Protein backbone atom coordinates (compact mmCIF):
# COMPACT_ATOMS: atom_id res chain seq x y z
CA MET A 1 -2.38 -30.59 -20.35
CA LYS A 2 -1.89 -28.12 -17.23
CA THR A 3 -0.28 -24.83 -17.63
CA THR A 4 2.70 -24.98 -15.46
CA TYR A 5 4.58 -21.63 -13.63
CA GLU A 6 7.97 -23.32 -15.24
CA SER A 7 6.11 -22.51 -18.63
CA LEU A 8 4.63 -19.45 -18.03
CA TYR A 9 7.93 -18.04 -16.67
CA GLU A 10 9.76 -18.97 -19.75
CA LEU A 11 7.38 -17.34 -22.10
CA ALA A 12 7.52 -14.34 -19.53
CA ALA A 13 11.44 -14.04 -19.95
CA LYS A 14 11.30 -14.63 -23.88
CA ASN A 15 9.10 -11.80 -24.56
CA ARG A 16 10.69 -9.37 -21.93
CA GLY A 17 14.08 -10.14 -23.51
CA GLY A 18 15.54 -12.79 -20.90
CA VAL A 19 15.50 -13.71 -17.66
CA ASP A 20 17.51 -10.93 -16.26
CA GLN A 21 15.15 -8.45 -17.69
CA LEU A 22 11.97 -10.05 -16.34
CA GLU A 23 13.39 -9.94 -13.11
CA ALA A 24 14.69 -6.34 -13.03
CA ILE A 25 10.77 -5.48 -13.41
CA LEU A 26 9.40 -8.03 -10.82
CA PRO A 27 7.36 -6.06 -8.30
CA LYS A 28 8.50 -6.94 -4.14
CA ALA A 29 6.07 -7.64 -1.53
CA LYS A 30 6.99 -5.68 1.85
CA SER A 31 7.11 -7.85 5.08
CA ALA A 32 4.13 -7.24 7.34
CA PRO A 33 6.37 -5.25 9.76
CA GLN A 34 7.19 -3.16 7.20
CA LEU A 35 3.52 -2.69 6.03
CA ALA A 36 2.69 -1.73 9.76
CA ALA A 37 5.53 0.67 10.06
CA GLN A 38 4.25 2.83 7.40
CA SER A 39 2.08 6.19 8.52
CA ASP A 40 -1.69 6.18 8.04
CA ASP A 41 -1.32 9.59 6.39
CA ARG A 42 0.49 7.63 3.95
CA TYR A 43 -1.79 5.20 3.03
CA LEU A 44 -4.78 8.04 2.79
CA SER A 45 -2.45 9.88 0.61
CA MET A 46 -2.28 6.35 -1.72
CA ILE A 47 -6.03 5.44 -1.38
CA THR A 48 -6.90 8.85 -2.93
CA ARG A 49 -4.10 9.01 -5.30
CA CYS A 50 -5.12 5.48 -6.96
CA ILE A 51 -8.81 7.33 -6.43
CA PHE A 52 -7.96 9.78 -8.66
CA ARG A 53 -5.50 8.45 -11.48
CA ALA A 54 -8.93 5.97 -12.31
CA GLY A 55 -9.85 6.70 -15.64
CA PHE A 56 -7.38 9.97 -15.65
CA VAL A 57 -3.94 10.41 -17.47
CA TRP A 58 -1.49 8.96 -14.45
CA ARG A 59 1.40 11.53 -15.35
CA VAL A 60 -1.12 14.77 -14.84
CA ILE A 61 -2.04 13.06 -11.38
CA ASP A 62 1.72 12.42 -10.06
CA ASN A 63 2.93 15.79 -11.48
CA LYS A 64 -0.13 17.70 -9.16
CA TRP A 65 0.85 15.74 -6.06
CA PRO A 66 2.54 18.09 -4.08
CA GLY A 67 -0.31 20.05 -4.54
CA PHE A 68 -3.09 17.20 -3.49
CA GLU A 69 -0.94 16.69 -0.49
CA GLU A 70 -0.57 20.87 0.48
CA ALA A 71 -5.02 20.91 -0.08
CA PHE A 72 -5.69 17.73 1.81
CA ALA A 73 -3.45 18.82 5.27
CA HIS A 74 -0.63 16.28 4.18
CA PHE A 75 -3.66 13.84 4.17
CA ASN A 76 -4.09 13.56 7.97
CA PRO A 77 -6.96 11.14 8.85
CA LEU A 78 -8.35 13.03 11.47
CA ALA A 79 -8.02 16.66 9.71
CA ILE A 80 -9.68 15.42 6.72
CA ALA A 81 -12.69 13.30 8.69
CA HIS A 82 -14.07 16.75 10.03
CA PHE A 83 -13.31 18.76 6.71
CA SER A 84 -17.44 20.51 6.74
CA ASP A 85 -19.23 20.71 3.28
CA GLU A 86 -18.23 23.77 2.60
CA LYS A 87 -14.34 23.05 2.68
CA LEU A 88 -15.04 20.23 0.21
CA GLU A 89 -16.60 22.92 -2.26
CA GLU A 90 -14.05 25.22 -1.48
CA LEU A 91 -11.58 22.49 -2.84
CA ALA A 92 -13.71 21.80 -6.19
CA GLN A 93 -12.07 25.15 -7.30
CA ASP A 94 -8.64 24.44 -6.06
CA ALA A 95 -6.59 24.76 -9.26
CA ARG A 96 -3.75 22.69 -7.23
CA ILE A 97 -5.72 19.49 -7.36
CA VAL A 98 -8.42 17.66 -10.16
CA ARG A 99 -11.44 19.29 -9.46
CA ASN A 100 -13.55 16.32 -9.42
CA PHE A 101 -16.48 16.65 -6.71
CA THR A 102 -16.65 13.35 -6.32
CA LYS A 103 -13.66 12.05 -5.59
CA ILE A 104 -13.12 14.93 -3.55
CA VAL A 105 -15.76 14.13 -1.22
CA SER A 106 -14.61 10.19 -1.08
CA VAL A 107 -11.08 11.85 0.55
CA ARG A 108 -13.32 12.77 3.53
CA HIS A 109 -15.14 9.19 3.70
CA ASN A 110 -12.07 7.30 3.23
CA ALA A 111 -10.65 9.64 6.24
CA THR A 112 -13.40 8.23 8.15
CA PHE A 113 -12.64 4.70 6.95
CA VAL A 114 -9.18 5.22 7.78
CA LEU A 115 -10.04 6.25 11.53
CA ASP A 116 -12.47 3.38 11.76
CA LYS A 117 -9.82 1.23 11.23
CA GLN A 118 -7.70 2.99 13.34
CA HIS A 119 -10.01 2.24 16.48
CA SER A 120 -10.13 -1.19 15.80
CA HIS A 121 -6.75 -2.42 14.82
CA GLY A 122 -4.66 0.33 16.28
CA SER A 123 -3.69 1.63 12.82
CA PHE A 124 -4.93 0.97 9.49
CA ALA A 125 -1.57 0.37 8.75
CA LYS A 126 -1.53 -2.70 11.05
CA PHE A 127 -5.36 -3.89 9.67
CA ILE A 128 -3.70 -4.11 6.29
CA ALA A 129 -0.65 -5.65 7.22
CA ASP A 130 -2.56 -8.11 9.17
CA TRP A 131 -4.83 -9.35 6.83
CA PRO A 132 -4.22 -12.73 5.70
CA GLU A 133 -2.40 -13.35 2.28
CA ASP A 134 -4.44 -16.34 1.21
CA ASP A 135 -7.79 -13.96 1.64
CA ILE A 136 -6.65 -11.28 -0.62
CA VAL A 137 -9.47 -10.95 -2.17
CA GLY A 138 -11.19 -10.95 0.92
CA LEU A 139 -9.28 -7.42 1.54
CA TRP A 140 -10.06 -6.20 -1.89
CA LEU A 141 -14.09 -7.17 -1.02
CA GLU A 142 -13.27 -5.31 2.50
CA LEU A 143 -11.99 -2.12 1.11
CA LYS A 144 -14.69 -1.51 -1.84
CA LYS A 145 -17.64 -2.31 0.80
CA ASN A 146 -16.35 0.25 3.60
CA GLY A 147 -14.30 2.45 1.43
CA SER A 148 -15.41 4.91 -1.32
CA ARG A 149 -14.55 4.27 -5.06
CA LEU A 150 -12.08 1.83 -4.21
CA GLY A 151 -13.75 -1.01 -6.50
CA GLY A 152 -12.45 -1.94 -9.28
CA ASN A 153 -8.12 -2.15 -9.69
CA SER A 154 -8.38 1.23 -7.51
CA GLY A 155 -8.27 -1.07 -4.06
CA PRO A 156 -5.79 -3.56 -5.20
CA MET A 157 -3.42 -0.81 -6.83
CA MET A 158 -3.38 0.89 -3.83
CA LEU A 159 -2.32 -2.23 -2.18
CA ARG A 160 -0.09 -3.13 -4.45
CA SER A 161 1.94 0.44 -4.13
CA MET A 162 2.11 0.49 -0.47
CA GLY A 163 3.95 -3.06 -0.64
CA LYS A 164 0.82 -5.22 0.21
CA ASP A 165 1.09 -8.50 -1.73
CA THR A 166 -1.89 -9.06 -4.45
CA PHE A 167 -2.35 -9.74 -7.73
CA LEU A 168 -4.55 -7.33 -9.93
CA LEU A 169 -6.64 -8.31 -12.53
CA THR A 170 -5.17 -5.65 -15.15
CA LYS A 171 -6.40 -6.47 -18.89
CA ASP A 172 -2.99 -8.20 -19.56
CA VAL A 173 -3.60 -10.61 -16.62
CA CYS A 174 -7.07 -11.22 -17.64
CA ASP A 175 -5.83 -11.91 -21.36
CA ALA A 176 -3.15 -13.99 -19.96
CA LEU A 177 -5.27 -16.15 -17.88
CA ILE A 178 -7.49 -16.95 -20.57
CA ASN A 179 -4.67 -17.49 -23.29
CA GLN A 180 -2.93 -19.89 -21.05
CA ALA A 181 -5.95 -22.04 -19.91
CA LEU A 182 -5.73 -21.19 -16.37
CA MET A 183 -9.61 -19.82 -16.63
CA LYS A 184 -12.64 -19.82 -19.32
CA LYS A 185 -14.35 -16.97 -19.79
CA PHE A 186 -14.63 -15.08 -16.60
CA SER A 187 -15.50 -11.59 -15.36
CA PRO A 188 -13.04 -9.58 -12.94
CA THR A 189 -16.19 -8.15 -11.28
CA SER A 190 -17.75 -11.11 -10.12
CA GLN A 191 -17.00 -12.53 -6.89
CA ARG A 192 -17.11 -15.96 -7.60
CA ASP A 193 -15.04 -15.52 -10.48
CA MET A 194 -12.56 -13.45 -8.05
CA ARG A 195 -12.24 -16.43 -5.84
CA LEU A 196 -11.48 -18.72 -8.86
CA VAL A 197 -8.48 -16.46 -9.93
CA GLU A 198 -7.45 -16.53 -6.34
CA LYS A 199 -7.03 -20.22 -6.12
CA VAL A 200 -5.19 -20.02 -9.86
CA PHE A 201 -2.66 -17.61 -7.86
CA ALA A 202 -2.35 -19.61 -4.73
CA ASP A 203 -1.08 -22.88 -6.88
CA LEU A 204 1.00 -21.04 -9.10
CA ARG A 205 2.53 -19.56 -5.65
CA GLU A 206 2.35 -23.05 -4.33
CA GLN A 207 4.64 -24.05 -7.63
CA SER A 208 7.29 -21.50 -7.55
CA GLY A 209 7.52 -19.75 -3.96
CA ARG A 210 6.93 -16.89 -5.73
CA SER A 211 4.76 -13.49 -3.98
CA LEU A 212 1.03 -12.95 -5.36
CA CYS A 213 2.53 -9.94 -7.23
CA GLU A 214 5.73 -11.23 -8.80
CA LEU A 215 3.34 -13.89 -10.33
CA SER A 216 0.58 -11.24 -11.26
CA ARG A 217 3.64 -9.11 -13.35
CA ILE A 218 4.78 -12.52 -14.41
CA LEU A 219 1.43 -13.16 -16.43
CA ALA A 220 1.27 -10.03 -17.65
CA CYS A 221 4.36 -10.50 -19.65
CA THR A 222 3.35 -13.47 -21.34
CA VAL A 223 0.79 -11.71 -23.20
């Protein structure tokens, strides 16, 4: 029997202690105008934050974030794109930040990526805002291909944090897709499988009228 949105929601609400408790933790997506209104330095800041959080204790990164803002010129893309190799090496000794050199280098690469989208779309924010929500996996792949270190959950997590409607393939979501028979065994790194998951979410969205980010959290709460 096909798993329905209603059965998923009922299980998620039960696990969270009730409908009110579940609704209170559901993320909300921003509208396209709201996404476009955010400044590109904030997008570059969140890109960097998600990259440095990956494989690290989030709390440490978040506590150090004011230092990151200072060290990286408040994430002005034009300024960072012109950081010299020597400047990056200096940052690798800067106690205000986490001194992971490969991640520090990625900030300059991503600043250039942001500038490229400014030239092609008017702003990086507009590039994100205008990307169609029925091809969110396509946006993930674009970030992975042309950004630096934005594969895995880093790119999608940046999008979620900035308010772009997206699901996430966290362990709980992946487990839920299998447990609820929405997917057979699959790899969250396979493009083919990601597209199949995208179809599952499209179907749930059609059933429920919910956003992708809400459905993602509901699925996670079924575990």
